[in-house]
């Protein structure tokens, strides 16, 4: 058991991904790609995972590259927040 003071918060997970849906109010669906190695065939595979992220100001749009940060549960599916927009999509 660790004592947590207001100065020492546990480190948050940070990931980068592309916004694939901006149809919900204050919620974005972010697709994060990662590379895994197959144990038997030793082949490199690309995998995607979708995360629901909270975007308070509705700033990000579909196609934007964003950085998401883990947070407390905000709804049944949202466990992430859009921390910053790294690159705007060409529209």
N, C-alpha and C. Protein backbone atom coordinates (compact mmCIF):
# COMPACT_ATOMS: atom_id res chain seq x y z
N UNK A 1 0.85 -1.18 0.00
CA UNK A 1 0.00 0.00 0.00
C UNK A 1 0.88 1.24 0.00
N UNK A 2 0.61 2.15 -0.90
CA UNK A 2 1.42 3.35 -1.00
C UNK A 2 0.61 4.55 -0.55
N UNK A 3 1.30 5.49 0.05
CA UNK A 3 0.65 6.74 0.43
C UNK A 3 0.74 7.71 -0.73
N UNK A 4 -0.40 8.19 -1.16
CA UNK A 4 -0.44 9.14 -2.27
C UNK A 4 -0.73 10.52 -1.71
N UNK A 5 0.18 11.41 -1.91
CA UNK A 5 -0.04 12.79 -1.52
C UNK A 5 -0.49 13.56 -2.74
N UNK A 6 -1.03 14.76 -2.57
CA UNK A 6 -1.47 15.53 -3.74
C UNK A 6 -0.34 15.83 -4.73
N UNK A 7 0.91 15.80 -4.27
CA UNK A 7 2.03 16.11 -5.16
C UNK A 7 2.45 14.92 -6.01
N UNK A 8 2.19 13.70 -5.55
CA UNK A 8 2.65 12.52 -6.28
C UNK A 8 1.45 11.74 -6.80
N UNK A 9 1.14 11.95 -8.07
CA UNK A 9 0.08 11.20 -8.71
C UNK A 9 0.70 10.09 -9.53
N UNK A 10 0.00 8.99 -9.68
CA UNK A 10 0.55 7.93 -10.53
C UNK A 10 0.64 8.40 -11.98
N UNK A 11 1.62 7.88 -12.69
CA UNK A 11 1.83 8.31 -14.07
C UNK A 11 0.67 7.83 -14.94
N UNK A 12 0.29 8.65 -15.88
CA UNK A 12 -0.83 8.34 -16.78
C UNK A 12 -0.30 7.72 -18.06
N UNK A 13 -1.10 6.85 -18.65
CA UNK A 13 -0.74 6.28 -19.94
C UNK A 13 -1.06 7.29 -21.04
N UNK A 14 -0.16 7.42 -22.00
CA UNK A 14 -0.33 8.36 -23.10
C UNK A 14 -0.15 7.60 -24.40
N UNK A 15 -1.08 7.81 -25.35
CA UNK A 15 -1.01 7.16 -26.65
C UNK A 15 -1.37 8.16 -27.74
N UNK A 16 -0.91 7.88 -28.95
CA UNK A 16 -1.24 8.70 -30.11
C UNK A 16 -2.08 7.87 -31.06
N UNK A 17 -3.07 8.53 -31.67
CA UNK A 17 -3.93 7.83 -32.61
C UNK A 17 -4.66 8.80 -33.51
N UNK A 18 -5.43 8.26 -34.42
CA UNK A 18 -6.17 9.06 -35.39
C UNK A 18 -7.65 9.01 -35.03
N UNK A 19 -8.28 10.18 -35.05
CA UNK A 19 -9.71 10.25 -34.78
C UNK A 19 -10.46 9.64 -35.96
N UNK A 20 -11.28 8.62 -35.68
CA UNK A 20 -12.02 7.97 -36.75
C UNK A 20 -13.50 8.36 -36.73
N UNK A 21 -13.97 8.93 -35.61
CA UNK A 21 -15.36 9.36 -35.54
C UNK A 21 -15.48 10.55 -34.61
N UNK A 22 -16.22 11.57 -35.08
CA UNK A 22 -16.49 12.75 -34.25
C UNK A 22 -17.99 13.06 -34.24
N UNK A 23 -18.80 12.02 -34.37
CA UNK A 23 -20.25 12.20 -34.48
C UNK A 23 -20.94 12.39 -33.14
N UNK A 24 -20.28 12.04 -32.04
CA UNK A 24 -20.87 12.20 -30.71
C UNK A 24 -20.46 13.53 -30.10
N UNK A 25 -21.29 14.04 -29.23
CA UNK A 25 -20.97 15.30 -28.54
C UNK A 25 -19.94 15.03 -27.45
N UNK A 26 -18.82 15.73 -27.51
CA UNK A 26 -17.73 15.67 -26.53
C UNK A 26 -17.07 14.30 -26.43
N UNK A 27 -17.25 13.45 -27.43
CA UNK A 27 -16.62 12.14 -27.45
C UNK A 27 -16.02 11.89 -28.82
N UNK A 28 -14.82 11.36 -28.82
CA UNK A 28 -14.13 10.99 -30.06
C UNK A 28 -13.75 9.52 -30.00
N UNK A 29 -13.82 8.86 -31.14
CA UNK A 29 -13.32 7.49 -31.24
C UNK A 29 -11.95 7.58 -31.88
N UNK A 30 -10.93 7.12 -31.15
CA UNK A 30 -9.54 7.24 -31.58
C UNK A 30 -8.99 5.84 -31.85
N UNK A 31 -8.44 5.64 -33.03
CA UNK A 31 -7.83 4.38 -33.41
C UNK A 31 -6.33 4.45 -33.19
N UNK A 32 -5.82 3.55 -32.35
CA UNK A 32 -4.39 3.51 -32.04
C UNK A 32 -3.80 2.25 -32.64
N UNK A 33 -2.80 2.41 -33.50
CA UNK A 33 -2.14 1.28 -34.15
C UNK A 33 -0.92 0.85 -33.34
N UNK A 34 -0.70 -0.46 -33.24
CA UNK A 34 0.50 -0.96 -32.60
C UNK A 34 0.99 -2.20 -33.34
N UNK A 35 2.25 -2.52 -33.15
CA UNK A 35 2.88 -3.63 -33.86
C UNK A 35 3.15 -4.75 -32.86
N UNK A 36 2.74 -5.97 -33.22
CA UNK A 36 3.00 -7.14 -32.39
C UNK A 36 3.72 -8.18 -33.22
N UNK A 37 4.43 -9.05 -32.55
CA UNK A 37 5.15 -10.12 -33.21
C UNK A 37 4.43 -11.45 -32.93
N UNK A 38 4.20 -12.23 -33.99
CA UNK A 38 3.56 -13.53 -33.83
C UNK A 38 4.56 -14.48 -33.19
N UNK A 39 4.13 -15.18 -32.15
CA UNK A 39 5.06 -16.02 -31.39
C UNK A 39 5.59 -17.21 -32.20
N UNK A 40 4.72 -17.85 -32.95
CA UNK A 40 5.15 -19.04 -33.67
C UNK A 40 5.79 -18.71 -35.01
N UNK A 41 5.14 -17.86 -35.80
CA UNK A 41 5.63 -17.56 -37.14
C UNK A 41 6.65 -16.43 -37.17
N UNK A 42 6.85 -15.75 -36.06
CA UNK A 42 7.81 -14.66 -35.95
C UNK A 42 7.58 -13.60 -37.04
N UNK A 43 6.29 -13.33 -37.30
CA UNK A 43 5.91 -12.34 -38.29
C UNK A 43 5.41 -11.10 -37.57
N UNK A 44 5.70 -9.94 -38.12
CA UNK A 44 5.26 -8.68 -37.54
C UNK A 44 3.86 -8.36 -38.04
N UNK A 45 2.95 -8.08 -37.10
CA UNK A 45 1.56 -7.80 -37.44
C UNK A 45 1.18 -6.42 -36.94
N UNK A 46 0.38 -5.71 -37.74
CA UNK A 46 -0.14 -4.40 -37.34
C UNK A 46 -1.55 -4.59 -36.81
N UNK A 47 -1.80 -4.07 -35.62
CA UNK A 47 -3.11 -4.18 -34.99
C UNK A 47 -3.63 -2.79 -34.65
N UNK A 48 -4.95 -2.63 -34.65
CA UNK A 48 -5.59 -1.38 -34.28
C UNK A 48 -6.52 -1.62 -33.10
N UNK A 49 -6.63 -0.63 -32.24
CA UNK A 49 -7.56 -0.69 -31.13
C UNK A 49 -8.26 0.64 -31.04
N UNK A 50 -9.58 0.62 -30.84
CA UNK A 50 -10.34 1.86 -30.77
C UNK A 50 -10.60 2.22 -29.31
N UNK A 51 -10.39 3.49 -28.99
CA UNK A 51 -10.64 4.01 -27.66
C UNK A 51 -11.64 5.16 -27.75
N UNK A 52 -12.54 5.24 -26.77
CA UNK A 52 -13.44 6.38 -26.66
C UNK A 52 -12.77 7.41 -25.78
N UNK A 53 -12.61 8.62 -26.29
CA UNK A 53 -11.91 9.67 -25.57
C UNK A 53 -12.80 10.90 -25.42
N UNK A 54 -12.66 11.57 -24.28
CA UNK A 54 -13.45 12.76 -23.98
C UNK A 54 -12.75 13.99 -24.57
N UNK A 55 -13.51 14.79 -25.32
CA UNK A 55 -13.01 16.04 -25.89
C UNK A 55 -13.98 17.15 -25.49
N UNK A 56 -13.67 17.83 -24.40
CA UNK A 56 -14.58 18.80 -23.79
C UNK A 56 -14.97 19.91 -24.74
N UNK A 57 -14.03 20.43 -25.51
CA UNK A 57 -14.29 21.59 -26.36
C UNK A 57 -14.71 21.21 -27.79
N UNK A 58 -14.82 19.93 -28.10
CA UNK A 58 -15.14 19.47 -29.45
C UNK A 58 -14.18 20.05 -30.49
N UNK A 59 -12.90 20.11 -30.17
CA UNK A 59 -11.91 20.71 -31.06
C UNK A 59 -11.44 19.76 -32.15
N UNK A 60 -11.25 18.50 -31.82
CA UNK A 60 -10.70 17.55 -32.80
C UNK A 60 -11.78 17.10 -33.77
N UNK A 61 -11.36 16.84 -34.99
CA UNK A 61 -12.26 16.39 -36.04
C UNK A 61 -11.73 15.07 -36.61
N UNK A 62 -12.54 14.43 -37.40
CA UNK A 62 -12.17 13.15 -37.98
C UNK A 62 -10.92 13.30 -38.85
N UNK A 63 -9.96 12.39 -38.66
CA UNK A 63 -8.72 12.42 -39.42
C UNK A 63 -7.56 13.08 -38.70
N UNK A 64 -7.82 13.78 -37.59
CA UNK A 64 -6.76 14.45 -36.83
C UNK A 64 -5.92 13.43 -36.07
N UNK A 65 -4.63 13.71 -35.95
CA UNK A 65 -3.74 12.92 -35.12
C UNK A 65 -3.75 13.55 -33.73
N UNK A 66 -4.17 12.77 -32.72
CA UNK A 66 -4.32 13.31 -31.37
C UNK A 66 -3.53 12.47 -30.37
N UNK A 67 -3.31 13.06 -29.22
CA UNK A 67 -2.68 12.37 -28.10
C UNK A 67 -3.73 12.19 -27.02
N UNK A 68 -3.92 10.95 -26.56
CA UNK A 68 -4.92 10.69 -25.52
C UNK A 68 -4.24 10.25 -24.24
N UNK A 69 -4.84 10.60 -23.11
CA UNK A 69 -4.29 10.31 -21.79
C UNK A 69 -5.33 9.55 -20.98
N UNK A 70 -4.89 8.56 -20.22
CA UNK A 70 -5.81 7.80 -19.40
C UNK A 70 -6.35 8.67 -18.28
N UNK A 71 -7.58 8.39 -17.85
CA UNK A 71 -8.23 9.17 -16.80
C UNK A 71 -9.20 8.27 -16.05
N UNK A 72 -9.87 8.82 -15.08
CA UNK A 72 -10.87 8.06 -14.35
C UNK A 72 -12.04 7.74 -15.28
N UNK A 73 -12.86 6.75 -14.97
CA UNK A 73 -14.00 6.45 -15.82
C UNK A 73 -14.96 7.63 -15.91
N UNK A 74 -15.26 8.07 -17.14
CA UNK A 74 -16.16 9.20 -17.36
C UNK A 74 -17.55 8.74 -17.78
N UNK A 75 -17.66 7.55 -18.35
CA UNK A 75 -18.95 6.96 -18.71
C UNK A 75 -18.73 5.46 -18.81
N UNK A 76 -19.69 4.77 -19.39
CA UNK A 76 -19.59 3.32 -19.49
C UNK A 76 -18.41 2.87 -20.35
N UNK A 77 -18.04 3.68 -21.35
CA UNK A 77 -16.95 3.31 -22.25
C UNK A 77 -15.75 4.24 -22.20
N UNK A 78 -15.93 5.48 -21.74
CA UNK A 78 -14.84 6.47 -21.82
C UNK A 78 -13.90 6.36 -20.63
N UNK A 79 -12.63 6.08 -20.93
CA UNK A 79 -11.57 6.03 -19.93
C UNK A 79 -10.37 6.88 -20.34
N UNK A 80 -10.53 7.67 -21.39
CA UNK A 80 -9.44 8.45 -21.96
C UNK A 80 -9.89 9.88 -22.21
N UNK A 81 -8.92 10.81 -22.28
CA UNK A 81 -9.16 12.21 -22.61
C UNK A 81 -8.25 12.62 -23.75
N UNK A 82 -8.74 13.48 -24.62
CA UNK A 82 -7.89 14.04 -25.67
C UNK A 82 -7.05 15.13 -25.02
N UNK A 83 -5.75 14.89 -24.89
CA UNK A 83 -4.89 15.86 -24.21
C UNK A 83 -4.41 16.95 -25.15
N UNK A 84 -4.09 16.59 -26.41
CA UNK A 84 -3.71 17.63 -27.37
C UNK A 84 -3.87 17.11 -28.79
N UNK A 85 -4.02 18.04 -29.71
CA UNK A 85 -4.09 17.73 -31.13
C UNK A 85 -2.69 17.90 -31.69
N UNK A 86 -2.11 16.80 -32.15
CA UNK A 86 -0.73 16.84 -32.65
C UNK A 86 -0.71 17.41 -34.06
N UNK A 87 -1.64 16.94 -34.91
CA UNK A 87 -1.65 17.37 -36.31
C UNK A 87 -3.08 17.38 -36.83
N UNK A 88 -3.46 18.49 -37.44
CA UNK A 88 -4.79 18.61 -38.03
C UNK A 88 -4.83 17.85 -39.36
N UNK A 89 -5.98 17.30 -39.67
CA UNK A 89 -6.15 16.61 -40.95
C UNK A 89 -6.30 17.61 -42.08
N UNK A 90 -5.81 17.25 -43.24
CA UNK A 90 -5.97 18.11 -44.42
C UNK A 90 -7.40 17.98 -44.91
N UNK A 91 -8.12 19.08 -44.93
CA UNK A 91 -9.53 19.04 -45.33
C UNK A 91 -9.71 19.68 -46.68
